Amino acid sequence: MILQVHDELIFEVAEKDLDAAQAKSTDIMQNSSKIDVPLLVEAGVGDNWDEAH
């Protein structure tokens, strides 16, 4: 992780590891706490922050 902006986390990941990193980080964030409402996580990919949105 290279940056956190409010509720967004920015990772720099090798392209070959992208699918695994996206799946793992999404799973960790969605299941970090057991509450009555679901924690929804969206993941985007791009060469920069603007493209990832």
PDB file of N, CA and C in Angstrom:
ATOM      1  N   MET A   1       0.860  -1.166   0.000  1.00  0.00           N
ATOM      2  CA  MET A   1       0.000   0.000   0.000  1.00  0.00           C
ATOM      3  C   MET A   1       0.902   1.223   0.000  1.00  0.00           C
ATOM      4  N   ILE A   2       0.615   2.134  -0.912  1.00  0.00           N
ATOM      5  CA  ILE A   2       1.456   3.324  -0.986  1.00  0.00           C
ATOM      6  C   ILE A   2       0.738   4.580  -0.514  1.00  0.00           C
ATOM      7  N   LEU A   3      -0.601   4.526  -0.415  1.00  0.00           N
ATOM      8  CA  LEU A   3      -1.326   5.734  -0.047  1.00  0.00           C
ATOM      9  C   LEU A   3      -2.722   5.391   0.447  1.00  0.00           C
ATOM     10  N   GLN A   4      -3.207   6.151   1.431  1.00  0.00           N
ATOM     11  CA  GLN A   4      -4.591   6.078   1.867  1.00  0.00           C
ATOM     12  C   GLN A   4      -5.180   7.477   1.741  1.00  0.00           C
ATOM     13  N   VAL A   5      -6.309   7.583   1.056  1.00  0.00           N
ATOM     14  CA  VAL A   5      -7.006   8.856   0.908  1.00  0.00           C
ATOM     15  C   VAL A   5      -8.428   8.621   1.393  1.00  0.00           C
ATOM     16  N   HIS A   6      -8.736   9.117   2.578  1.00  0.00           N
ATOM     17  CA  HIS A   6     -10.036   8.899   3.220  1.00  0.00           C
ATOM     18  C   HIS A   6     -10.341   7.405   3.272  1.00  0.00           C
ATOM     19  N   ASP A   7     -11.335   6.958   2.521  1.00  0.00           N
ATOM     20  CA  ASP A   7     -11.705   5.544   2.567  1.00  0.00           C
ATOM     21  C   ASP A   7     -11.149   4.750   1.379  1.00  0.00           C
ATOM     22  N   GLU A   8     -10.152   5.290   0.730  1.00  0.00           N
ATOM     23  CA  GLU A   8      -9.547   4.602  -0.410  1.00  0.00           C
ATOM     24  C   GLU A   8      -8.114   4.213  -0.091  1.00  0.00           C
ATOM     25  N   LEU A   9      -7.740   3.023  -0.535  1.00  0.00           N
ATOM     26  CA  LEU A   9      -6.377   2.537  -0.384  1.00  0.00           C
ATOM     27  C   LEU A   9      -5.768   2.405  -1.769  1.00  0.00           C
ATOM     28  N   ILE A  10      -4.543   2.875  -1.921  1.00  0.00           N
ATOM     29  CA  ILE A  10      -3.848   2.821  -3.201  1.00  0.00           C
ATOM     30  C   ILE A  10      -2.684   1.835  -3.072  1.00  0.00           C
ATOM     31  N   PHE A  11      -2.673   0.842  -3.948  1.00  0.00           N
ATOM     32  CA  PHE A  11      -1.627  -0.173  -3.946  1.00  0.00           C
ATOM     33  C   PHE A  11      -0.853  -0.094  -5.257  1.00  0.00           C
ATOM     34  N   GLU A  12       0.423  -0.381  -5.194  1.00  0.00           N
ATOM     35  CA  GLU A  12       1.223  -0.582  -6.392  1.00  0.00           C
ATOM     36  C   GLU A  12       1.542  -2.066  -6.450  1.00  0.00           C
ATOM     37  N   VAL A  13       1.091  -2.715  -7.503  1.00  0.00           N
ATOM     38  CA  VAL A  13       1.172  -4.174  -7.601  1.00  0.00           C
ATOM     39  C   VAL A  13       1.697  -4.550  -8.981  1.00  0.00           C
ATOM     40  N   ALA A  14       2.571  -5.527  -9.021  1.00  0.00           N
ATOM     41  CA  ALA A  14       3.041  -6.041 -10.316  1.00  0.00           C
ATOM     42  C   ALA A  14       1.853  -6.593 -11.092  1.00  0.00           C
ATOM     43  N   GLU A  15       1.838  -6.384 -12.392  1.00  0.00           N
ATOM     44  CA  GLU A  15       0.702  -6.793 -13.211  1.00  0.00           C
ATOM     45  C   GLU A  15       0.398  -8.282 -13.086  1.00  0.00           C
ATOM     46  N   LYS A  16       1.428  -9.100 -12.931  1.00  0.00           N
ATOM     47  CA  LYS A  16       1.216 -10.547 -12.811  1.00  0.00           C
ATOM     48  C   LYS A  16       0.527 -10.919 -11.506  1.00  0.00           C
ATOM     49  N   ASP A  17       0.589 -10.058 -10.493  1.00  0.00           N
ATOM     50  CA  ASP A  17      -0.020 -10.331  -9.191  1.00  0.00           C
ATOM     51  C   ASP A  17      -1.335  -9.593  -8.978  1.00  0.00           C
ATOM     52  N   LEU A  18      -1.809  -8.894  -9.998  1.00  0.00           N
ATOM     53  CA  LEU A  18      -2.958  -8.020  -9.863  1.00  0.00           C
ATOM     54  C   LEU A  18      -4.223  -8.748  -9.423  1.00  0.00           C
ATOM     55  N   ASP A  19      -4.580  -9.833 -10.076  1.00  0.00           N
ATOM     56  CA  ASP A  19      -5.814 -10.543  -9.721  1.00  0.00           C
ATOM     57  C   ASP A  19      -5.794 -11.049  -8.286  1.00  0.00           C
ATOM     58  N   ALA A  20      -4.689 -11.638  -7.876  1.00  0.00           N
ATOM     59  CA  ALA A  20      -4.583 -12.166  -6.517  1.00  0.00           C
ATOM     60  C   ALA A  20      -4.615 -11.047  -5.481  1.00  0.00           C
ATOM     61  N   ALA A  21      -3.916  -9.960  -5.751  1.00  0.00           N
ATOM     62  CA  ALA A  21      -3.894  -8.839  -4.803  1.00  0.00           C
ATOM     63  C   ALA A  21      -5.267  -8.190  -4.685  1.00  0.00           C
ATOM     64  N   GLN A  22      -5.956  -8.050  -5.793  1.00  0.00           N
ATOM     65  CA  GLN A  22      -7.293  -7.455  -5.772  1.00  0.00           C
ATOM     66  C   GLN A  22      -8.263  -8.346  -5.006  1.00  0.00           C
ATOM     67  N   ALA A  23      -8.220  -9.639  -5.240  1.00  0.00           N
ATOM     68  CA  ALA A  23      -9.111 -10.564  -4.540  1.00  0.00           C
ATOM     69  C   ALA A  23      -8.820 -10.589  -3.045  1.00  0.00           C
ATOM     70  N   LYS A  24      -7.553 -10.634  -2.688  1.00  0.00           N
ATOM     71  CA  LYS A  24      -7.179 -10.714  -1.270  1.00  0.00           C
ATOM     72  C   LYS A  24      -7.525  -9.429  -0.528  1.00  0.00           C
ATOM     73  N   SER A  25      -7.197  -8.269  -1.102  1.00  0.00           N
ATOM     74  CA  SER A  25      -7.475  -7.011  -0.411  1.00  0.00           C
ATOM     75  C   SER A  25      -8.983  -6.789  -0.282  1.00  0.00           C
ATOM     76  N   THR A  26      -9.754  -7.128  -1.308  1.00  0.00           N
ATOM     77  CA  THR A  26     -11.205  -6.999  -1.237  1.00  0.00           C
ATOM     78  C   THR A  26     -11.775  -7.908  -0.155  1.00  0.00           C
ATOM     79  N   ASP A  27     -11.319  -9.147  -0.110  1.00  0.00           N
ATOM     80  CA  ASP A  27     -11.783 -10.096   0.909  1.00  0.00           C
ATOM     81  C   ASP A  27     -11.465  -9.605   2.313  1.00  0.00           C
ATOM     82  N   ILE A  28     -10.268  -9.127   2.529  1.00  0.00           N
ATOM     83  CA  ILE A  28      -9.868  -8.638   3.860  1.00  0.00           C
ATOM     84  C   ILE A  28     -10.740  -7.464   4.283  1.00  0.00           C
ATOM     85  N   MET A  29     -10.963  -6.511   3.383  1.00  0.00           N
ATOM     86  CA  MET A  29     -11.740  -5.320   3.741  1.00  0.00           C
ATOM     87  C   MET A  29     -13.214  -5.651   3.978  1.00  0.00           C
ATOM     88  N   GLN A  30     -13.788  -6.532   3.167  1.00  0.00           N
ATOM     89  CA  GLN A  30     -15.199  -6.882   3.328  1.00  0.00           C
ATOM     90  C   GLN A  30     -15.454  -7.703   4.581  1.00  0.00           C
ATOM     91  N   ASN A  31     -14.482  -8.456   5.035  1.00  0.00           N
ATOM     92  CA  ASN A  31     -14.674  -9.355   6.167  1.00  0.00           C
ATOM     93  C   ASN A  31     -13.904  -8.929   7.411  1.00  0.00           C
ATOM     94  N   SER A  32     -13.518  -7.659   7.474  1.00  0.00           N
ATOM     95  CA  SER A  32     -12.723  -7.178   8.606  1.00  0.00           C
ATOM     96  C   SER A  32     -13.537  -7.033   9.884  1.00  0.00           C
ATOM     97  N   SER A  33     -14.855  -6.952   9.747  1.00  0.00           N
ATOM     98  CA  SER A  33     -15.712  -6.772  10.911  1.00  0.00           C
ATOM     99  C   SER A  33     -17.049  -7.444  10.647  1.00  0.00           C
ATOM    100  N   LYS A  34     -17.616  -8.034  11.679  1.00  0.00           N
ATOM    101  CA  LYS A  34     -18.925  -8.671  11.548  1.00  0.00           C
ATOM    102  C   LYS A  34     -19.974  -7.709  12.093  1.00  0.00           C
ATOM    103  N   ILE A  35     -20.734  -7.105  11.167  1.00  0.00           N
ATOM    104  CA  ILE A  35     -21.787  -6.180  11.548  1.00  0.00           C
ATOM    105  C   ILE A  35     -23.065  -6.560  10.794  1.00  0.00           C
ATOM    106  N   ASP A  36     -24.184  -5.928  11.156  1.00  0.00           N
ATOM    107  CA  ASP A  36     -25.472  -6.290  10.576  1.00  0.00           C
ATOM    108  C   ASP A  36     -25.657  -5.857   9.127  1.00  0.00           C
ATOM    109  N   VAL A  37     -24.890  -4.910   8.673  1.00  0.00           N
ATOM    110  CA  VAL A  37     -24.979  -4.470   7.283  1.00  0.00           C
ATOM    111  C   VAL A  37     -23.701  -4.895   6.551  1.00  0.00           C
ATOM    112  N   PRO A  38     -23.807  -5.193   5.277  1.00  0.00           N
ATOM    113  CA  PRO A  38     -22.604  -5.637   4.553  1.00  0.00           C
ATOM    114  C   PRO A  38     -21.624  -4.483   4.325  1.00  0.00           C
ATOM    115  N   LEU A  39     -20.356  -4.804   4.379  1.00  0.00           N
ATOM    116  CA  LEU A  39     -19.312  -3.853   4.016  1.00  0.00           C
ATOM    117  C   LEU A  39     -19.033  -4.057   2.533  1.00  0.00           C
ATOM    118  N   LEU A  40     -19.405  -3.094   1.727  1.00  0.00           N
ATOM    119  CA  LEU A  40     -19.222  -3.214   0.286  1.00  0.00           C
ATOM    120  C   LEU A  40     -17.890  -2.602  -0.126  1.00  0.00           C
ATOM    121  N   VAL A  41     -17.166  -3.304  -0.950  1.00  0.00           N
ATOM    122  CA  VAL A  41     -15.848  -2.860  -1.402  1.00  0.00           C
ATOM    123  C   VAL A  41     -15.834  -2.862  -2.918  1.00  0.00           C
ATOM    124  N   GLU A  42     -15.376  -1.781  -3.494  1.00  0.00           N
ATOM    125  CA  GLU A  42     -15.173  -1.701  -4.936  1.00  0.00           C
ATOM    126  C   GLU A  42     -13.680  -1.605  -5.195  1.00  0.00           C
ATOM    127  N   ALA A  43     -13.236  -2.226  -6.265  1.00  0.00           N
ATOM    128  CA  ALA A  43     -11.824  -2.179  -6.620  1.00  0.00           C
ATOM    129  C   ALA A  43     -11.693  -1.728  -8.069  1.00  0.00           C
ATOM    130  N   GLY A  44     -10.769  -0.846  -8.316  1.00  0.00           N
ATOM    131  CA  GLY A  44     -10.501  -0.379  -9.658  1.00  0.00           C
ATOM    132  C   GLY A  44      -9.032  -0.545  -9.975  1.00  0.00           C
ATOM    133  N   VAL A  45      -8.730  -0.587 -11.252  1.00  0.00           N
ATOM    134  CA  VAL A  45      -7.352  -0.795 -11.700  1.00  0.00           C
ATOM    135  C   VAL A  45      -7.027   0.249 -12.758  1.00  0.00           C
ATOM    136  N   GLY A  46      -5.842   0.810 -12.673  1.00  0.00           N
ATOM    137  CA  GLY A  46      -5.401   1.758 -13.680  1.00  0.00           C
ATOM    138  C   GLY A  46      -3.962   2.138 -13.475  1.00  0.00           C
ATOM    139  N   ASP A  47      -3.408   2.802 -14.461  1.00  0.00           N
ATOM    140  CA  ASP A  47      -2.014   3.252 -14.370  1.00  0.00           C
ATOM    141  C   ASP A  47      -1.860   4.436 -13.431  1.00  0.00           C
ATOM    142  N   ASN A  48      -2.995   5.084 -13.080  1.00  0.00           N
ATOM    143  CA  ASN A  48      -2.964   6.180 -12.111  1.00  0.00           C
ATOM    144  C   ASN A  48      -4.296   6.212 -11.370  1.00  0.00           C
ATOM    145  N   TRP A  49      -4.397   7.054 -10.375  1.00  0.00           N
ATOM    146  CA  TRP A  49      -5.587   7.087  -9.522  1.00  0.00           C
ATOM    147  C   TRP A  49      -6.831   7.451 -10.327  1.00  0.00           C
ATOM    148  N   ASP A  50      -6.709   8.372 -11.254  1.00  0.00           N
ATOM    149  CA  ASP A  50      -7.847   8.777 -12.067  1.00  0.00           C
ATOM    150  C   ASP A  50      -8.372   7.612 -12.905  1.00  0.00           C
ATOM    151  N   GLU A  51      -7.508   6.844 -13.510  1.00  0.00           N
ATOM    152  CA  GLU A  51      -7.919   5.698 -14.315  1.00  0.00           C
ATOM    153  C   GLU A  51      -8.554   4.590 -13.477  1.00  0.00           C
ATOM    154  N   ALA A  52      -8.156   4.481 -12.242  1.00  0.00           N
ATOM    155  CA  ALA A  52      -8.660   3.409 -11.379  1.00  0.00           C
ATOM    156  C   ALA A  52     -10.072   3.669 -10.891  1.00  0.00           C
ATOM    157  N   HIS A  53     -10.552   4.879 -11.031  1.00  0.00           N
ATOM    158  CA  HIS A  53     -11.908   5.195 -10.580  1.00  0.00           C
ATOM    159  C   HIS A  53     -12.908   4.742 -11.572  1.00  0.00           C
TER     160      HIS A  53
END
